[in-house]
Amino acid sequence: NKEKEQETTQVTTPTPDPAEEAKKE
């Protein structure tokens, strides 16, 4: 259950979109 919660937490944490980062840069 802890591992599933960690996976869920990791999945739900938004990762920066590389395209958006490239546009900003």
PDB file of all heavy atoms in Angstrom:
ATOM      1  N   ASN A   1       0.830  -1.197   0.000  1.00  0.00           N
ATOM      2  CA  ASN A   1       0.000   0.000   0.000  1.00  0.00           C
ATOM      3  C   ASN A   1       0.873   1.259   0.000  1.00  0.00           C
ATOM      4  O   ASN A   1       0.559   2.238  -0.669  1.00  0.00           O
ATOM      5  CB  ASN A   1      -0.912   0.030   1.227  1.00  0.00           C
ATOM      6  CG  ASN A   1      -2.076  -0.932   1.084  1.00  0.00           C
ATOM      7  OD1 ASN A   1      -2.400  -1.321  -0.037  1.00  0.00           O
ATOM      8  ND2 ASN A   1      -2.691  -1.307   2.192  1.00  0.00           N
ATOM      9  N   LYS A   2       1.969   1.211   0.749  1.00  0.00           N
ATOM     10  CA  LYS A   2       2.876   2.359   0.789  1.00  0.00           C
ATOM     11  C   LYS A   2       3.497   2.577  -0.577  1.00  0.00           C
ATOM     12  O   LYS A   2       3.625   3.697  -1.049  1.00  0.00           O
ATOM     13  CB  LYS A   2       3.969   2.151   1.841  1.00  0.00           C
ATOM     14  CG  LYS A   2       3.522   2.467   3.226  1.00  0.00           C
ATOM     15  CD  LYS A   2       4.710   2.416   4.136  1.00  0.00           C
ATOM     16  CE  LYS A   2       4.336   2.802   5.543  1.00  0.00           C
ATOM     17  NZ  LYS A   2       5.419   2.778   6.454  1.00  0.00           N
ATOM     18  N   GLU A   3       3.873   1.482  -1.225  1.00  0.00           N
ATOM     19  CA  GLU A   3       4.493   1.593  -2.555  1.00  0.00           C
ATOM     20  C   GLU A   3       3.493   2.156  -3.546  1.00  0.00           C
ATOM     21  O   GLU A   3       3.821   2.982  -4.402  1.00  0.00           O
ATOM     22  CB  GLU A   3       4.999   0.229  -3.033  1.00  0.00           C
ATOM     23  CG  GLU A   3       6.266  -0.200  -2.352  1.00  0.00           C
ATOM     24  CD  GLU A   3       6.740  -1.579  -2.828  1.00  0.00           C
ATOM     25  OE1 GLU A   3       6.336  -2.009  -3.926  1.00  0.00           O
ATOM     26  OE2 GLU A   3       7.554  -2.165  -2.115  1.00  0.00           O
ATOM     27  N   LYS A   4       2.231   1.697  -3.474  1.00  0.00           N
ATOM     28  CA  LYS A   4       1.199   2.193  -4.373  1.00  0.00           C
ATOM     29  C   LYS A   4       0.959   3.680  -4.124  1.00  0.00           C
ATOM     30  O   LYS A   4       0.772   4.450  -5.061  1.00  0.00           O
ATOM     31  CB  LYS A   4      -0.094   1.424  -4.186  1.00  0.00           C
ATOM     32  CG  LYS A   4      -0.092   0.103  -4.901  1.00  0.00           C
ATOM     33  CD  LYS A   4      -1.456  -0.522  -4.791  1.00  0.00           C
ATOM     34  CE  LYS A   4      -1.460  -1.852  -5.521  1.00  0.00           C
ATOM     35  NZ  LYS A   4      -2.714  -2.532  -5.432  1.00  0.00           N
ATOM     36  N   GLU A   5       0.958   4.085  -2.857  1.00  0.00           N
ATOM     37  CA  GLU A   5       0.760   5.480  -2.529  1.00  0.00           C
ATOM     38  C   GLU A   5       1.910   6.317  -3.080  1.00  0.00           C
ATOM     39  O   GLU A   5       1.711   7.398  -3.611  1.00  0.00           O
ATOM     40  CB  GLU A   5       0.672   5.671  -1.006  1.00  0.00           C
ATOM     41  CG  GLU A   5      -0.642   5.273  -0.422  1.00  0.00           C
ATOM     42  CD  GLU A   5      -0.658   5.482   1.078  1.00  0.00           C
ATOM     43  OE1 GLU A   5       0.098   6.346   1.579  1.00  0.00           O
ATOM     44  OE2 GLU A   5      -1.449   4.806   1.732  1.00  0.00           O
ATOM     45  N   GLN A   6       3.145   5.788  -2.957  1.00  0.00           N
ATOM     46  CA  GLN A   6       4.301   6.509  -3.484  1.00  0.00           C
ATOM     47  C   GLN A   6       4.201   6.618  -4.995  1.00  0.00           C
ATOM     48  O   GLN A   6       4.495   7.655  -5.567  1.00  0.00           O
ATOM     49  CB  GLN A   6       5.600   5.802  -3.075  1.00  0.00           C
ATOM     50  CG  GLN A   6       5.937   5.995  -1.618  1.00  0.00           C
ATOM     51  CD  GLN A   6       7.206   5.228  -1.218  1.00  0.00           C
ATOM     52  OE1 GLN A   6       7.735   4.443  -1.991  1.00  0.00           O
ATOM     53  NE2 GLN A   6       7.657   5.454   0.014  1.00  0.00           N
ATOM     54  N   GLU A   7       3.795   5.518  -5.680  1.00  0.00           N
ATOM     55  CA  GLU A   7       3.654   5.555  -7.137  1.00  0.00           C
ATOM     56  C   GLU A   7       2.579   6.564  -7.518  1.00  0.00           C
ATOM     57  O   GLU A   7       2.726   7.322  -8.478  1.00  0.00           O
ATOM     58  CB  GLU A   7       3.278   4.183  -7.674  1.00  0.00           C
ATOM     59  CG  GLU A   7       4.433   3.223  -7.689  1.00  0.00           C
ATOM     60  CD  GLU A   7       3.995   1.846  -8.192  1.00  0.00           C
ATOM     61  OE1 GLU A   7       2.946   1.753  -8.853  1.00  0.00           O
ATOM     62  OE2 GLU A   7       4.735   0.901  -7.931  1.00  0.00           O
ATOM     63  N   THR A   8       1.458   6.540  -6.800  1.00  0.00           N
ATOM     64  CA  THR A   8       0.364   7.451  -7.081  1.00  0.00           C
ATOM     65  C   THR A   8       0.831   8.873  -6.854  1.00  0.00           C
ATOM     66  O   THR A   8       0.544   9.763  -7.647  1.00  0.00           O
ATOM     67  CB  THR A   8      -0.836   7.150  -6.164  1.00  0.00           C
ATOM     68  OG1 THR A   8      -1.172   5.777  -6.283  1.00  0.00           O
ATOM     69  CG2 THR A   8      -2.016   7.996  -6.547  1.00  0.00           C
ATOM     70  N   THR A   9       1.586   9.077  -5.782  1.00  0.00           N
ATOM     71  CA  THR A   9       2.098  10.398  -5.488  1.00  0.00           C
ATOM     72  C   THR A   9       3.035  10.847  -6.590  1.00  0.00           C
ATOM     73  O   THR A   9       2.978  11.977  -7.036  1.00  0.00           O
ATOM     74  CB  THR A   9       2.834  10.407  -4.133  1.00  0.00           C
ATOM     75  OG1 THR A   9       1.984   9.879  -3.150  1.00  0.00           O
ATOM     76  CG2 THR A   9       3.224  11.794  -3.753  1.00  0.00           C
ATOM     77  N   GLN A  10       3.862   9.957  -7.025  1.00  0.00           N
ATOM     78  CA  GLN A  10       4.808  10.308  -8.077  1.00  0.00           C
ATOM     79  C   GLN A  10       4.073  10.589  -9.373  1.00  0.00           C
ATOM     80  O   GLN A  10       4.433  11.479 -10.120  1.00  0.00           O
ATOM     81  CB  GLN A  10       5.809   9.171  -8.281  1.00  0.00           C
ATOM     82  CG  GLN A  10       6.790   9.054  -7.157  1.00  0.00           C
ATOM     83  CD  GLN A  10       7.730   7.879  -7.366  1.00  0.00           C
ATOM     84  OE1 GLN A  10       7.586   7.124  -8.316  1.00  0.00           O
ATOM     85  NE2 GLN A  10       8.679   7.716  -6.461  1.00  0.00           N
ATOM     86  N   VAL A  11       3.051   9.847  -9.685  1.00  0.00           N
ATOM     87  CA  VAL A  11       2.302  10.020 -10.919  1.00  0.00           C
ATOM     88  C   VAL A  11       1.535  11.331 -10.875  1.00  0.00           C
ATOM     89  O   VAL A  11       1.455  12.043 -11.850  1.00  0.00           O
ATOM     90  CB  VAL A  11       1.339   8.837 -11.140  1.00  0.00           C
ATOM     91  CG1 VAL A  11       0.418   9.109 -12.311  1.00  0.00           C
ATOM     92  CG2 VAL A  11       2.135   7.578 -11.347  1.00  0.00           C
ATOM     93  N   THR A  12       0.980  11.666  -9.753  1.00  0.00           N
ATOM     94  CA  THR A  12       0.171  12.868  -9.657  1.00  0.00           C
ATOM     95  C   THR A  12       1.011  14.142  -9.555  1.00  0.00           C
ATOM     96  O   THR A  12       0.508  15.216  -9.768  1.00  0.00           O
ATOM     97  CB  THR A  12      -0.770  12.782  -8.439  1.00  0.00           C
ATOM     98  OG1 THR A  12      -0.003  12.612  -7.277  1.00  0.00           O
ATOM     99  CG2 THR A  12      -1.765  11.679  -8.606  1.00  0.00           C
ATOM    100  N   THR A  13       2.278  14.044  -9.205  1.00  0.00           N
ATOM    101  CA  THR A  13       3.128  15.233  -9.132  1.00  0.00           C
ATOM    102  C   THR A  13       3.387  15.705 -10.561  1.00  0.00           C
ATOM    103  O   THR A  13       3.895  14.940 -11.376  1.00  0.00           O
ATOM    104  CB  THR A  13       4.472  14.915  -8.450  1.00  0.00           C
ATOM    105  OG1 THR A  13       4.216  14.350  -7.180  1.00  0.00           O
ATOM    106  CG2 THR A  13       5.304  16.147  -8.312  1.00  0.00           C
ATOM    107  N   PRO A  14       3.011  16.904 -10.861  1.00  0.00           N
ATOM    108  CA  PRO A  14       3.180  17.376 -12.242  1.00  0.00           C
ATOM    109  C   PRO A  14       4.654  17.551 -12.573  1.00  0.00           C
ATOM    110  O   PRO A  14       5.412  18.136 -11.816  1.00  0.00           O
ATOM    111  CB  PRO A  14       2.451  18.708 -12.272  1.00  0.00           C
ATOM    112  CG  PRO A  14       2.349  19.150 -10.861  1.00  0.00           C
ATOM    113  CD  PRO A  14       2.433  17.919 -10.020  1.00  0.00           C
ATOM    114  N   THR A  15       5.048  17.040 -13.690  1.00  0.00           N
ATOM    115  CA  THR A  15       6.413  17.227 -14.181  1.00  0.00           C
ATOM    116  C   THR A  15       6.388  18.365 -15.181  1.00  0.00           C
ATOM    117  O   THR A  15       5.423  18.539 -15.928  1.00  0.00           O
ATOM    118  CB  THR A  15       6.934  15.950 -14.865  1.00  0.00           C
ATOM    119  OG1 THR A  15       6.058  15.629 -15.925  1.00  0.00           O
ATOM    120  CG2 THR A  15       7.039  14.808 -13.895  1.00  0.00           C
ATOM    121  N   PRO A  16       7.439  19.164 -15.174  1.00  0.00           N
ATOM    122  CA  PRO A  16       7.454  20.302 -16.109  1.00  0.00           C
ATOM    123  C   PRO A  16       7.455  19.789 -17.550  1.00  0.00           C
ATOM    124  O   PRO A  16       8.153  18.848 -17.884  1.00  0.00           O
ATOM    125  CB  PRO A  16       8.731  21.051 -15.789  1.00  0.00           C
ATOM    126  CG  PRO A  16       9.510  20.206 -14.843  1.00  0.00           C
ATOM    127  CD  PRO A  16       8.624  19.098 -14.366  1.00  0.00           C
ATOM    128  N   ASP A  17       6.643  20.463 -18.379  1.00  0.00           N
ATOM    129  CA  ASP A  17       6.547  20.099 -19.795  1.00  0.00           C
ATOM    130  C   ASP A  17       7.785  20.636 -20.512  1.00  0.00           C
ATOM    131  O   ASP A  17       8.056  21.840 -20.474  1.00  0.00           O
ATOM    132  CB  ASP A  17       5.270  20.707 -20.372  1.00  0.00           C
ATOM    133  CG  ASP A  17       5.061  20.333 -21.828  1.00  0.00           C
ATOM    134  OD1 ASP A  17       5.676  19.372 -22.292  1.00  0.00           O
ATOM    135  OD2 ASP A  17       4.256  21.035 -22.485  1.00  0.00           O
ATOM    136  N   PRO A  18       8.567  19.773 -21.186  1.00  0.00           N
ATOM    137  CA  PRO A  18       9.783  20.244 -21.857  1.00  0.00           C
ATOM    138  C   PRO A  18       9.491  21.290 -22.933  1.00  0.00           C
ATOM    139  O   PRO A  18      10.278  22.211 -23.145  1.00  0.00           O
ATOM    140  CB  PRO A  18      10.391  18.981 -22.452  1.00  0.00           C
ATOM    141  CG  PRO A  18       9.662  17.829 -21.863  1.00  0.00           C
ATOM    142  CD  PRO A  18       8.402  18.337 -21.275  1.00  0.00           C
ATOM    143  N   ALA A  19       8.374  21.176 -23.611  1.00  0.00           N
ATOM    144  CA  ALA A  19       8.033  22.136 -24.666  1.00  0.00           C
ATOM    145  C   ALA A  19       7.791  23.520 -24.068  1.00  0.00           C
ATOM    146  O   ALA A  19       8.241  24.544 -24.615  1.00  0.00           O
ATOM    147  CB  ALA A  19       6.809  21.659 -25.431  1.00  0.00           C
ATOM    148  N   GLU A  20       7.063  23.566 -22.941  1.00  0.00           N
ATOM    149  CA  GLU A  20       6.806  24.838 -22.265  1.00  0.00           C
ATOM    150  C   GLU A  20       8.104  25.445 -21.762  1.00  0.00           C
ATOM    151  O   GLU A  20       8.316  26.650 -21.870  1.00  0.00           O
ATOM    152  CB  GLU A  20       5.829  24.655 -21.094  1.00  0.00           C
ATOM    153  CG  GLU A  20       4.379  24.597 -21.496  1.00  0.00           C
ATOM    154  CD  GLU A  20       3.923  25.874 -22.191  1.00  0.00           C
ATOM    155  OE1 GLU A  20       4.227  26.987 -21.728  1.00  0.00           O
ATOM    156  OE2 GLU A  20       3.265  25.749 -23.235  1.00  0.00           O
ATOM    157  N   GLU A  21       8.961  24.633 -21.200  1.00  0.00           N
ATOM    158  CA  GLU A  21      10.251  25.104 -20.713  1.00  0.00           C
ATOM    159  C   GLU A  21      11.069  25.667 -21.868  1.00  0.00           C
ATOM    160  O   GLU A  21      11.703  26.714 -21.751  1.00  0.00           O
ATOM    161  CB  GLU A  21      11.013  23.971 -19.999  1.00  0.00           C
ATOM    162  CG  GLU A  21      10.425  23.567 -18.665  1.00  0.00           C
ATOM    163  CD  GLU A  21      10.486  24.705 -17.660  1.00  0.00           C
ATOM    164  OE1 GLU A  21      11.511  25.411 -17.574  1.00  0.00           O
ATOM    165  OE2 GLU A  21       9.474  24.916 -16.968  1.00  0.00           O
ATOM    166  N   ALA A  22      11.048  24.983 -23.033  1.00  0.00           N
ATOM    167  CA  ALA A  22      11.795  25.439 -24.205  1.00  0.00           C
ATOM    168  C   ALA A  22      11.235  26.765 -24.702  1.00  0.00           C
ATOM    169  O   ALA A  22      11.987  27.668 -25.096  1.00  0.00           O
ATOM    170  CB  ALA A  22      11.756  24.381 -25.298  1.00  0.00           C
ATOM    171  N   LYS A  23       9.898  26.918 -24.687  1.00  0.00           N
ATOM    172  CA  LYS A  23       9.272  28.167 -25.118  1.00  0.00           C
ATOM    173  C   LYS A  23       9.689  29.323 -24.210  1.00  0.00           C
ATOM    174  O   LYS A  23      10.011  30.410 -24.674  1.00  0.00           O
ATOM    175  CB  LYS A  23       7.747  28.040 -25.101  1.00  0.00           C
ATOM    176  CG  LYS A  23       7.175  27.276 -26.267  1.00  0.00           C
ATOM    177  CD  LYS A  23       5.653  27.266 -26.190  1.00  0.00           C
ATOM    178  CE  LYS A  23       5.044  26.474 -27.323  1.00  0.00           C
ATOM    179  NZ  LYS A  23       3.569  26.412 -27.239  1.00  0.00           N
ATOM    180  N   LYS A  24       9.655  29.063 -22.889  1.00  0.00           N
ATOM    181  CA  LYS A  24      10.042  30.096 -21.938  1.00  0.00           C
ATOM    182  C   LYS A  24      11.499  30.490 -22.124  1.00  0.00           C
ATOM    183  O   LYS A  24      11.856  31.667 -22.099  1.00  0.00           O
ATOM    184  CB  LYS A  24       9.807  29.626 -20.505  1.00  0.00           C
ATOM    185  CG  LYS A  24       8.346  29.555 -20.124  1.00  0.00           C
ATOM    186  CD  LYS A  24       8.182  29.075 -18.699  1.00  0.00           C
ATOM    187  CE  LYS A  24       6.720  28.940 -18.313  1.00  0.00           C
ATOM    188  NZ  LYS A  24       6.544  28.401 -16.970  1.00  0.00           N
ATOM    189  N   GLU A  25      12.342  29.495 -22.306  1.00  0.00           N
ATOM    190  CA  GLU A  25      13.772  29.756 -22.499  1.00  0.00           C
ATOM    191  C   GLU A  25      13.996  30.518 -23.802  1.00  0.00           C
ATOM    192  O   GLU A  25      14.771  31.481 -23.863  1.00  0.00           O
ATOM    193  CB  GLU A  25      14.543  28.437 -22.507  1.00  0.00           C
ATOM    194  CG  GLU A  25      16.042  28.629 -22.513  1.00  0.00           C
ATOM    195  CD  GLU A  25      16.802  27.306 -22.433  1.00  0.00           C
ATOM    196  OE1 GLU A  25      16.288  26.340 -21.839  1.00  0.00           O
ATOM    197  OE2 GLU A  25      17.922  27.283 -22.968  1.00  0.00           O
TER     198      GLU A  25
END
